[in-house]
Amino acid sequence: MKSITSRRAFAGFAILGASAMVLAGCAAAPEEEAAPVEESVEEAAPALDFLACAVSDEASFQDNSFNEAVYDGLLQAESELGVQIAEAESNSAEDFAPNLQAMVDASCDVIVAVGFNLVADVNLAAAANPDVSFVTVDGWSEGNDNLKPVGYKMNQSSYLAGYLAAAYSTTKVVGTYGGMQIDAVTDFMSGFYYGAKAYETETGTPVTVLGWDPVAATGDFWGGFAPNDAVGKSIAASQLEQGADVLFPVGGDQFGAGIEAIKEAGDNAVMIGVDKDIALTSPEYADYILTSAEKRMGAATFDIIQDYAVNGNFTGDYYMGDLANAGTDISPFYAFEDKIDQAVKDRLAELKAGIIDGSIDPLS
């Protein structure tokens, strides 16, 4: 069932209307004889009477993907702003509505619903609770002024990733595959495709992109978002067999499975991460991660909470993350820094500037 955790430091706080509840982490009062704090230690932010909450998609808040990215934003708001936080993890779609109601019953000031799968439920919750502020990540509002949609132009950073993949590839065959054929996934894949093809056009070197044809809207999908999916691994193995030496799986943490496929094939292939800076957050994968196309949901979550908790501002206006506002970007190259030509790095900077100023369309 669902797991609900709260960090609101008020006596008598309870979450009603949900089963299998776990309350943890309430702050205790400091002891009178506590050791003195050194001057160099940064003091915690003063507590704010504000409760920021989140409900996950069908995965934990430690999924190395979009749920965790939102949770990172909650933790940042807790430590830097002094707000209290609560979260409810969903193990299945049946948990979405009860978890959202549990957050409403907990008197959350803002409730973040993570992922497009919660769109129907969060719109119903927003309509039923017009005095509660909601945020839908990768979703949309069905006319609810108290529901703020958060989206990302992931084609922009994925375009850069696709160009880099084509430049890095020795076979000039690169592959992408997705969890489900939905806009939030194919936006990554289309940007990747066109970025790789931009390298082809510029250099005259043919580049084959496996797994997605944005014109025909056909490609390789494993049908879900479970971490390290076995079907996803089989797709990776197939693309490796066809010569791909850079893989871009779009659908959460598929990197363990992809790396297994690479090892079993005996290839020197690499992968490109999604959502988070995978080489940094999952160092066990770092030797295989060329870069990542980051969907910086933590930053958006923090910014929305900060503007509301500190400034009192909340609207149902769309938040769109892009290269210009650093809502998305590619990650540092880490272990691959010395394996990428400076000319390619310079060109990536030019492409980024062109996308920002509008002179480059990442979807053409």
Protein backbone atom coordinates (compact mmCIF):
# COMPACT_ATOMS: atom_id res chain seq x y z
CA MET A 1 0.00 0.00 0.00
CA LYS A 2 0.98 3.62 0.19
CA SER A 3 3.59 5.07 2.50
CA ILE A 4 3.06 8.53 3.94
CA THR A 5 5.78 10.48 5.68
CA SER A 6 5.47 13.85 7.38
CA ARG A 7 7.99 16.32 8.74
CA ARG A 8 5.66 18.94 10.19
CA ALA A 9 6.81 20.00 13.63
CA PHE A 10 3.43 20.74 15.18
CA ALA A 11 1.78 18.78 17.96
CA GLY A 12 -1.39 16.96 17.10
CA PHE A 13 -0.59 16.72 13.40
CA ALA A 14 -2.35 13.74 11.80
CA ILE A 15 -3.16 12.45 8.36
CA LEU A 16 -6.73 11.17 7.99
CA GLY A 17 -8.51 9.07 5.41
CA ALA A 18 -5.55 6.92 4.28
CA SER A 19 -4.38 3.49 5.32
CA ALA A 20 -0.89 2.17 6.06
CA MET A 21 0.39 5.50 7.33
CA VAL A 22 3.91 6.12 8.60
CA LEU A 23 4.79 9.34 10.38
CA ALA A 24 8.44 10.08 10.91
CA GLY A 25 11.08 12.74 11.34
CA CYS A 26 9.32 15.31 13.52
CA ALA A 27 11.92 17.66 14.90
CA ALA A 28 12.62 17.45 18.62
CA ALA A 29 13.34 20.51 20.76
CA PRO A 30 17.04 21.21 21.24
CA GLU A 31 18.54 20.04 24.51
CA GLU A 32 19.58 22.74 26.98
CA GLU A 33 23.13 21.40 27.25
CA ALA A 34 23.72 20.92 23.55
CA ALA A 35 27.29 21.41 22.43
CA PRO A 36 28.00 24.92 21.09
CA VAL A 37 27.83 25.22 17.32
CA GLU A 38 30.99 26.41 15.60
CA GLU A 39 30.69 29.73 13.83
CA SER A 40 31.53 28.13 10.49
CA VAL A 41 28.45 25.89 10.62
CA GLU A 42 25.55 27.34 8.64
CA GLU A 43 22.45 27.84 10.76
CA ALA A 44 19.20 26.17 9.74
CA ALA A 45 16.57 28.37 8.14
CA PRO A 46 13.94 29.75 10.53
CA ALA A 47 10.85 27.56 10.57
CA LEU A 48 7.94 28.69 8.41
CA ASP A 49 4.36 27.71 9.08
CA PHE A 50 4.05 26.17 5.64
CA LEU A 51 3.58 22.53 4.68
CA ALA A 52 4.78 21.45 1.23
CA CYS A 53 3.67 17.99 0.14
CA ALA A 54 4.11 15.58 -2.75
CA VAL A 55 2.45 12.42 -4.04
CA SER A 56 4.60 10.09 -6.13
CA ASP A 57 3.84 8.20 -9.28
CA GLU A 58 4.12 4.41 -9.10
CA ALA A 59 7.63 4.42 -7.68
CA SER A 60 9.45 5.51 -4.57
CA PHE A 61 10.97 8.89 -3.92
CA GLN A 62 14.34 7.14 -4.26
CA ASP A 63 13.76 6.03 -7.86
CA ASN A 64 16.83 7.82 -9.31
CA SER A 65 14.38 9.59 -11.61
CA PHE A 66 11.55 12.11 -11.62
CA ASN A 67 9.98 11.20 -8.28
CA GLU A 68 13.32 11.64 -6.54
CA ALA A 69 13.96 14.89 -8.40
CA VAL A 70 10.76 16.39 -6.97
CA TYR A 71 11.62 15.05 -3.54
CA ASP A 72 15.03 16.75 -3.80
CA GLY A 73 13.15 20.02 -4.28
CA LEU A 74 11.11 19.35 -1.15
CA LEU A 75 14.24 18.63 0.86
CA GLN A 76 15.88 21.80 -0.43
CA ALA A 77 12.84 23.82 0.60
CA GLU A 78 12.90 22.21 4.03
CA SER A 79 16.58 22.98 4.63
CA GLU A 80 16.82 26.40 2.98
CA LEU A 81 13.39 27.90 3.61
CA GLY A 82 12.41 26.21 6.87
CA VAL A 83 9.14 24.81 5.53
CA GLN A 84 7.76 21.48 6.71
CA ILE A 85 7.29 18.67 4.22
CA ALA A 86 5.20 15.55 3.82
CA GLU A 87 5.14 12.94 1.09
CA ALA A 88 2.99 9.98 0.08
CA GLU A 89 4.39 7.18 -2.07
CA SER A 90 2.07 5.40 -4.49
CA ASN A 91 2.57 1.72 -5.22
CA SER A 92 -0.21 1.60 -7.81
CA ALA A 93 -2.69 3.85 -9.58
CA GLU A 94 -5.25 2.96 -6.95
CA ASP A 95 -3.15 4.92 -4.43
CA PHE A 96 -3.27 8.23 -6.31
CA ALA A 97 -6.66 9.53 -5.17
CA PRO A 98 -6.34 8.36 -1.52
CA ASN A 99 -2.83 9.80 -1.27
CA LEU A 100 -3.96 13.16 -2.65
CA GLN A 101 -6.87 13.19 -0.21
CA ALA A 102 -4.50 12.32 2.64
CA MET A 103 -2.41 15.37 1.77
CA VAL A 104 -5.55 17.54 1.66
CA ASP A 105 -6.59 16.18 5.06
CA ALA A 106 -3.09 16.99 6.35
CA SER A 107 -3.75 20.69 5.57
CA CYS A 108 -0.86 20.88 3.08
CA ASP A 109 -0.36 24.37 1.71
CA VAL A 110 0.76 23.03 -1.65
CA ILE A 111 0.54 19.48 -3.03
CA VAL A 112 2.79 18.36 -5.89
CA ALA A 113 1.48 15.43 -7.97
CA VAL A 114 4.41 13.80 -9.76
CA GLY A 115 3.90 12.52 -13.28
CA PHE A 116 1.27 12.51 -16.01
CA ASN A 117 -0.36 9.40 -14.55
CA LEU A 118 -1.83 11.55 -11.76
CA VAL A 119 -3.39 14.14 -14.09
CA ALA A 120 -6.97 12.91 -13.81
CA ASP A 121 -6.81 12.45 -10.04
CA VAL A 122 -5.09 15.75 -9.29
CA ASN A 123 -7.60 17.65 -11.44
CA LEU A 124 -10.44 16.03 -9.54
CA ALA A 125 -8.74 16.86 -6.23
CA ALA A 126 -8.16 20.47 -7.31
CA ALA A 127 -11.78 20.88 -8.39
CA ALA A 128 -13.03 19.42 -5.10
CA ASN A 129 -10.68 21.58 -3.00
CA PRO A 130 -10.53 25.05 -4.60
CA ASP A 131 -8.82 26.55 -1.54
CA VAL A 132 -5.86 24.13 -1.78
CA SER A 133 -2.96 24.78 -4.15
CA PHE A 134 -1.83 21.90 -6.36
CA VAL A 135 1.04 21.36 -8.80
CA THR A 136 1.02 18.77 -11.58
CA VAL A 137 4.43 17.76 -12.95
CA ASP A 138 4.27 16.66 -16.59
CA GLY A 139 0.53 17.24 -16.43
CA TRP A 140 -2.06 19.85 -17.27
CA SER A 141 -4.96 21.71 -15.74
CA GLU A 142 -8.52 21.06 -16.82
CA GLY A 143 -9.65 24.58 -15.99
CA ASN A 144 -8.62 24.59 -12.31
CA ASP A 145 -7.10 27.93 -11.32
CA ASN A 146 -5.56 26.34 -8.21
CA LEU A 147 -3.59 23.77 -10.23
CA LYS A 148 -0.19 24.78 -11.63
CA PRO A 149 1.14 22.64 -14.50
CA VAL A 150 4.90 22.09 -14.76
CA GLY A 151 6.34 21.05 -18.11
CA TYR A 152 9.68 20.95 -19.85
CA LYS A 153 11.01 21.43 -23.36
CA MET A 154 13.06 18.25 -23.11
CA ASN A 155 13.64 18.26 -26.84
CA GLN A 156 16.11 21.10 -26.25
CA SER A 157 18.60 19.31 -24.00
CA SER A 158 17.97 16.03 -25.82
CA TYR A 159 18.93 17.72 -29.09
CA LEU A 160 22.31 18.52 -27.55
CA ALA A 161 22.55 14.94 -26.26
CA GLY A 162 21.75 13.57 -29.73
CA TYR A 163 24.39 15.72 -31.39
CA LEU A 164 26.93 14.62 -28.79
CA ALA A 165 25.93 10.97 -29.23
CA ALA A 166 26.46 11.14 -32.98
CA ALA A 167 29.80 12.91 -32.57
CA TYR A 168 31.01 10.42 -29.96
CA SER A 169 29.80 7.29 -31.73
CA THR A 170 32.38 5.29 -33.64
CA THR A 171 29.78 3.22 -35.50
CA LYS A 172 27.59 6.26 -36.23
CA VAL A 173 24.63 4.21 -35.07
CA VAL A 174 22.82 5.48 -31.95
CA GLY A 175 19.67 4.22 -30.29
CA THR A 176 16.81 5.45 -28.17
CA TYR A 177 13.83 3.67 -26.64
CA GLY A 178 11.07 4.68 -24.27
CA GLY A 179 8.81 3.51 -21.49
CA MET A 180 5.56 4.48 -23.19
CA GLN A 181 4.67 6.37 -26.35
CA ILE A 182 3.46 9.56 -24.71
CA ASP A 183 4.48 13.16 -25.30
CA ALA A 184 6.53 13.39 -22.10
CA VAL A 185 8.70 10.53 -23.42
CA THR A 186 8.77 11.14 -27.16
CA ASP A 187 9.77 14.77 -26.63
CA PHE A 188 13.15 13.48 -25.40
CA MET A 189 13.41 11.01 -28.27
CA SER A 190 12.55 13.52 -30.99
CA GLY A 191 15.13 16.02 -29.76
CA PHE A 192 17.71 13.23 -29.65
CA TYR A 193 16.84 12.17 -33.21
CA TYR A 194 17.10 15.67 -34.66
CA GLY A 195 20.29 16.44 -32.77
CA ALA A 196 21.95 13.33 -34.19
CA LYS A 197 20.71 14.23 -37.66
CA ALA A 198 22.07 17.77 -37.25
CA TYR A 199 25.52 16.23 -36.82
CA GLU A 200 24.91 14.21 -39.98
CA THR A 201 23.94 17.34 -41.92
CA GLU A 202 26.88 19.39 -40.67
CA THR A 203 29.56 16.77 -41.22
CA GLY A 204 28.18 14.82 -44.16
CA THR A 205 28.67 11.62 -42.13
CA PRO A 206 25.57 9.39 -42.21
CA VAL A 207 24.10 8.71 -38.77
CA THR A 208 21.51 6.00 -38.10
CA VAL A 209 19.09 6.59 -35.24
CA LEU A 210 17.40 3.43 -34.00
CA GLY A 211 14.25 3.28 -31.91
CA TRP A 212 12.30 6.38 -32.94
CA ASP A 213 11.10 7.99 -36.15
CA PRO A 214 9.47 11.32 -35.25
CA VAL A 215 7.83 11.70 -38.65
CA ALA A 216 6.20 8.28 -38.68
CA ALA A 217 5.79 8.43 -34.87
CA THR A 218 6.92 4.82 -34.51
CA GLY A 219 9.61 3.39 -32.29
CA ASP A 220 10.71 1.04 -29.53
CA PHE A 221 8.79 1.11 -26.21
CA TRP A 222 8.77 -1.39 -23.37
CA GLY A 223 5.36 -0.43 -22.02
CA GLY A 224 5.96 0.98 -18.54
CA PHE A 225 8.31 2.75 -16.17
CA ALA A 226 9.44 0.03 -13.78
CA PRO A 227 13.19 0.41 -13.08
CA ASN A 228 15.52 -1.78 -15.14
CA ASP A 229 12.71 -3.39 -17.08
CA ALA A 230 13.50 -6.76 -18.70
CA VAL A 231 11.78 -5.78 -21.96
CA GLY A 232 13.79 -2.56 -21.99
CA LYS A 233 16.95 -4.60 -21.59
CA SER A 234 15.98 -6.75 -24.57
CA ILE A 235 15.43 -3.62 -26.67
CA ALA A 236 18.87 -2.36 -25.63
CA ALA A 237 20.40 -5.72 -26.62
CA SER A 238 18.68 -5.56 -30.01
CA GLN A 239 19.92 -2.04 -30.70
CA LEU A 240 23.45 -3.02 -29.68
CA GLU A 241 23.25 -5.96 -32.08
CA GLN A 242 22.31 -3.50 -34.84
CA GLY A 243 25.48 -1.54 -34.16
CA ALA A 244 24.41 1.15 -31.73
CA ASP A 245 27.16 2.26 -29.38
CA VAL A 246 25.25 5.07 -27.63
CA LEU A 247 21.89 4.27 -26.00
CA PHE A 248 19.30 6.75 -24.72
CA PRO A 249 16.56 5.01 -22.68
CA VAL A 250 13.74 7.38 -21.73
CA GLY A 251 11.74 6.08 -18.81
CA GLY A 252 13.37 6.36 -15.43
CA ASP A 253 16.23 4.20 -14.20
CA GLN A 254 16.96 1.77 -17.02
CA PHE A 255 20.70 2.11 -16.70
CA GLY A 256 21.46 -1.01 -14.71
CA ALA A 257 19.63 -3.14 -17.29
CA GLY A 258 21.23 -1.27 -20.18
CA ILE A 259 24.71 -1.72 -18.75
CA GLU A 260 24.04 -5.43 -18.30
CA ALA A 261 23.09 -5.61 -21.98
CA ILE A 262 26.29 -3.78 -22.93
CA LYS A 263 28.44 -6.12 -20.84
CA GLU A 264 26.72 -9.22 -22.20
CA ALA A 265 27.25 -7.98 -25.76
CA GLY A 266 30.92 -7.31 -25.04
CA ASP A 267 30.56 -3.80 -26.47
CA ASN A 268 32.20 -0.52 -25.56
CA ALA A 269 28.86 1.23 -25.75
CA VAL A 270 27.76 4.06 -23.46
CA MET A 271 24.43 5.50 -22.33
CA ILE A 272 22.84 8.90 -21.92
CA GLY A 273 20.90 9.52 -18.73
CA VAL A 274 17.50 11.13 -18.32
CA ASP A 275 15.80 13.35 -15.73
CA LYS A 276 18.69 13.63 -13.26
CA ASP A 277 22.47 13.97 -13.52
CA ILE A 278 22.81 10.19 -13.50
CA ALA A 279 26.61 9.99 -13.32
CA LEU A 280 26.50 12.16 -10.21
CA THR A 281 23.45 10.71 -8.46
CA SER A 282 24.18 7.07 -9.39
CA PRO A 283 27.97 6.85 -9.41
CA GLU A 284 27.81 3.08 -9.94
CA TYR A 285 26.74 3.92 -13.51
CA ALA A 286 29.20 6.76 -14.08
CA ASP A 287 31.67 4.87 -16.28
CA TYR A 288 28.89 4.28 -18.80
CA ILE A 289 27.10 7.66 -18.74
CA LEU A 290 28.27 10.02 -21.48
CA THR A 291 25.98 12.81 -20.21
CA SER A 292 22.36 13.18 -19.10
CA ALA A 293 19.43 15.19 -20.41
CA GLU A 294 18.29 16.68 -17.12
CA LYS A 295 14.69 17.49 -16.35
CA ARG A 296 15.33 19.70 -13.33
CA MET A 297 12.09 19.09 -11.48
CA GLY A 298 13.78 19.70 -8.14
CA ALA A 299 14.58 23.26 -9.14
CA ALA A 300 11.02 23.91 -10.30
CA THR A 301 9.59 22.39 -7.12
CA PHE A 302 11.82 24.54 -4.94
CA ASP A 303 11.10 27.73 -6.93
CA ILE A 304 7.34 27.22 -6.72
CA ILE A 305 7.44 26.51 -2.99
CA GLN A 306 9.75 29.47 -2.35
CA ASP A 307 7.57 31.93 -4.25
CA TYR A 308 4.50 30.71 -2.39
CA ALA A 309 5.90 30.21 1.13
CA VAL A 310 8.09 33.32 1.19
CA ASN A 311 6.35 35.73 -1.16
CA GLY A 312 2.78 34.49 -0.97
CA ASN A 313 2.58 34.03 -4.74
CA PHE A 314 0.80 31.11 -6.36
CA THR A 315 -1.06 30.99 -9.67
CA GLY A 316 -2.26 28.34 -12.07
CA ASP A 317 0.06 29.73 -14.76
CA TYR A 318 2.15 27.19 -16.62
CA TYR A 319 5.77 26.70 -15.54
CA MET A 320 7.89 25.68 -18.53
CA GLY A 321 11.48 24.57 -17.98
CA ASP A 322 13.87 25.11 -20.88
CA LEU A 323 17.51 25.85 -21.63
CA ALA A 324 16.98 29.57 -21.11
CA ASN A 325 15.82 29.26 -17.49
CA ALA A 326 18.05 26.25 -16.73
CA GLY A 327 15.00 24.06 -16.27
CA THR A 328 16.78 21.55 -18.47
CA ASP A 329 20.31 21.05 -19.79
CA ILE A 330 22.86 18.32 -20.37
CA SER A 331 25.08 17.25 -17.50
CA PRO A 332 28.86 17.55 -17.21
CA PHE A 333 30.86 14.84 -18.97
CA TYR A 334 32.81 13.61 -15.92
CA ALA A 335 34.74 10.46 -16.95
CA PHE A 336 34.27 11.36 -20.61
CA GLU A 337 35.57 14.93 -20.35
CA ASP A 338 38.89 14.05 -22.02
CA LYS A 339 37.24 11.78 -24.59
CA ILE A 340 35.18 14.51 -26.24
CA ASP A 341 36.92 16.83 -28.70
CA GLN A 342 37.00 20.48 -27.77
CA ALA A 343 35.49 21.31 -31.15
CA VAL A 344 32.44 19.24 -30.23
CA LYS A 345 32.16 20.98 -26.85
CA ASP A 346 32.37 24.36 -28.56
CA ARG A 347 29.71 23.35 -31.07
CA LEU A 348 27.40 22.19 -28.28
CA ALA A 349 27.72 25.63 -26.68
CA GLU A 350 26.82 27.24 -30.02
CA LEU A 351 23.84 24.93 -30.48
CA LYS A 352 22.61 25.72 -26.98
CA ALA A 353 22.84 29.46 -27.67
CA GLY A 354 21.01 28.98 -30.97
CA ILE A 355 18.17 27.07 -29.34
CA ILE A 356 17.82 29.77 -26.69
CA ASP A 357 17.76 32.63 -29.18
CA GLY A 358 15.39 30.74 -31.49
CA SER A 359 17.69 30.40 -34.46
CA ILE A 360 17.78 26.60 -34.06
CA ASP A 361 14.63 24.50 -33.88
CA PRO A 362 15.35 21.29 -31.94
CA LEU A 363 12.36 19.60 -33.56
CA SER A 364 13.46 19.93 -37.18
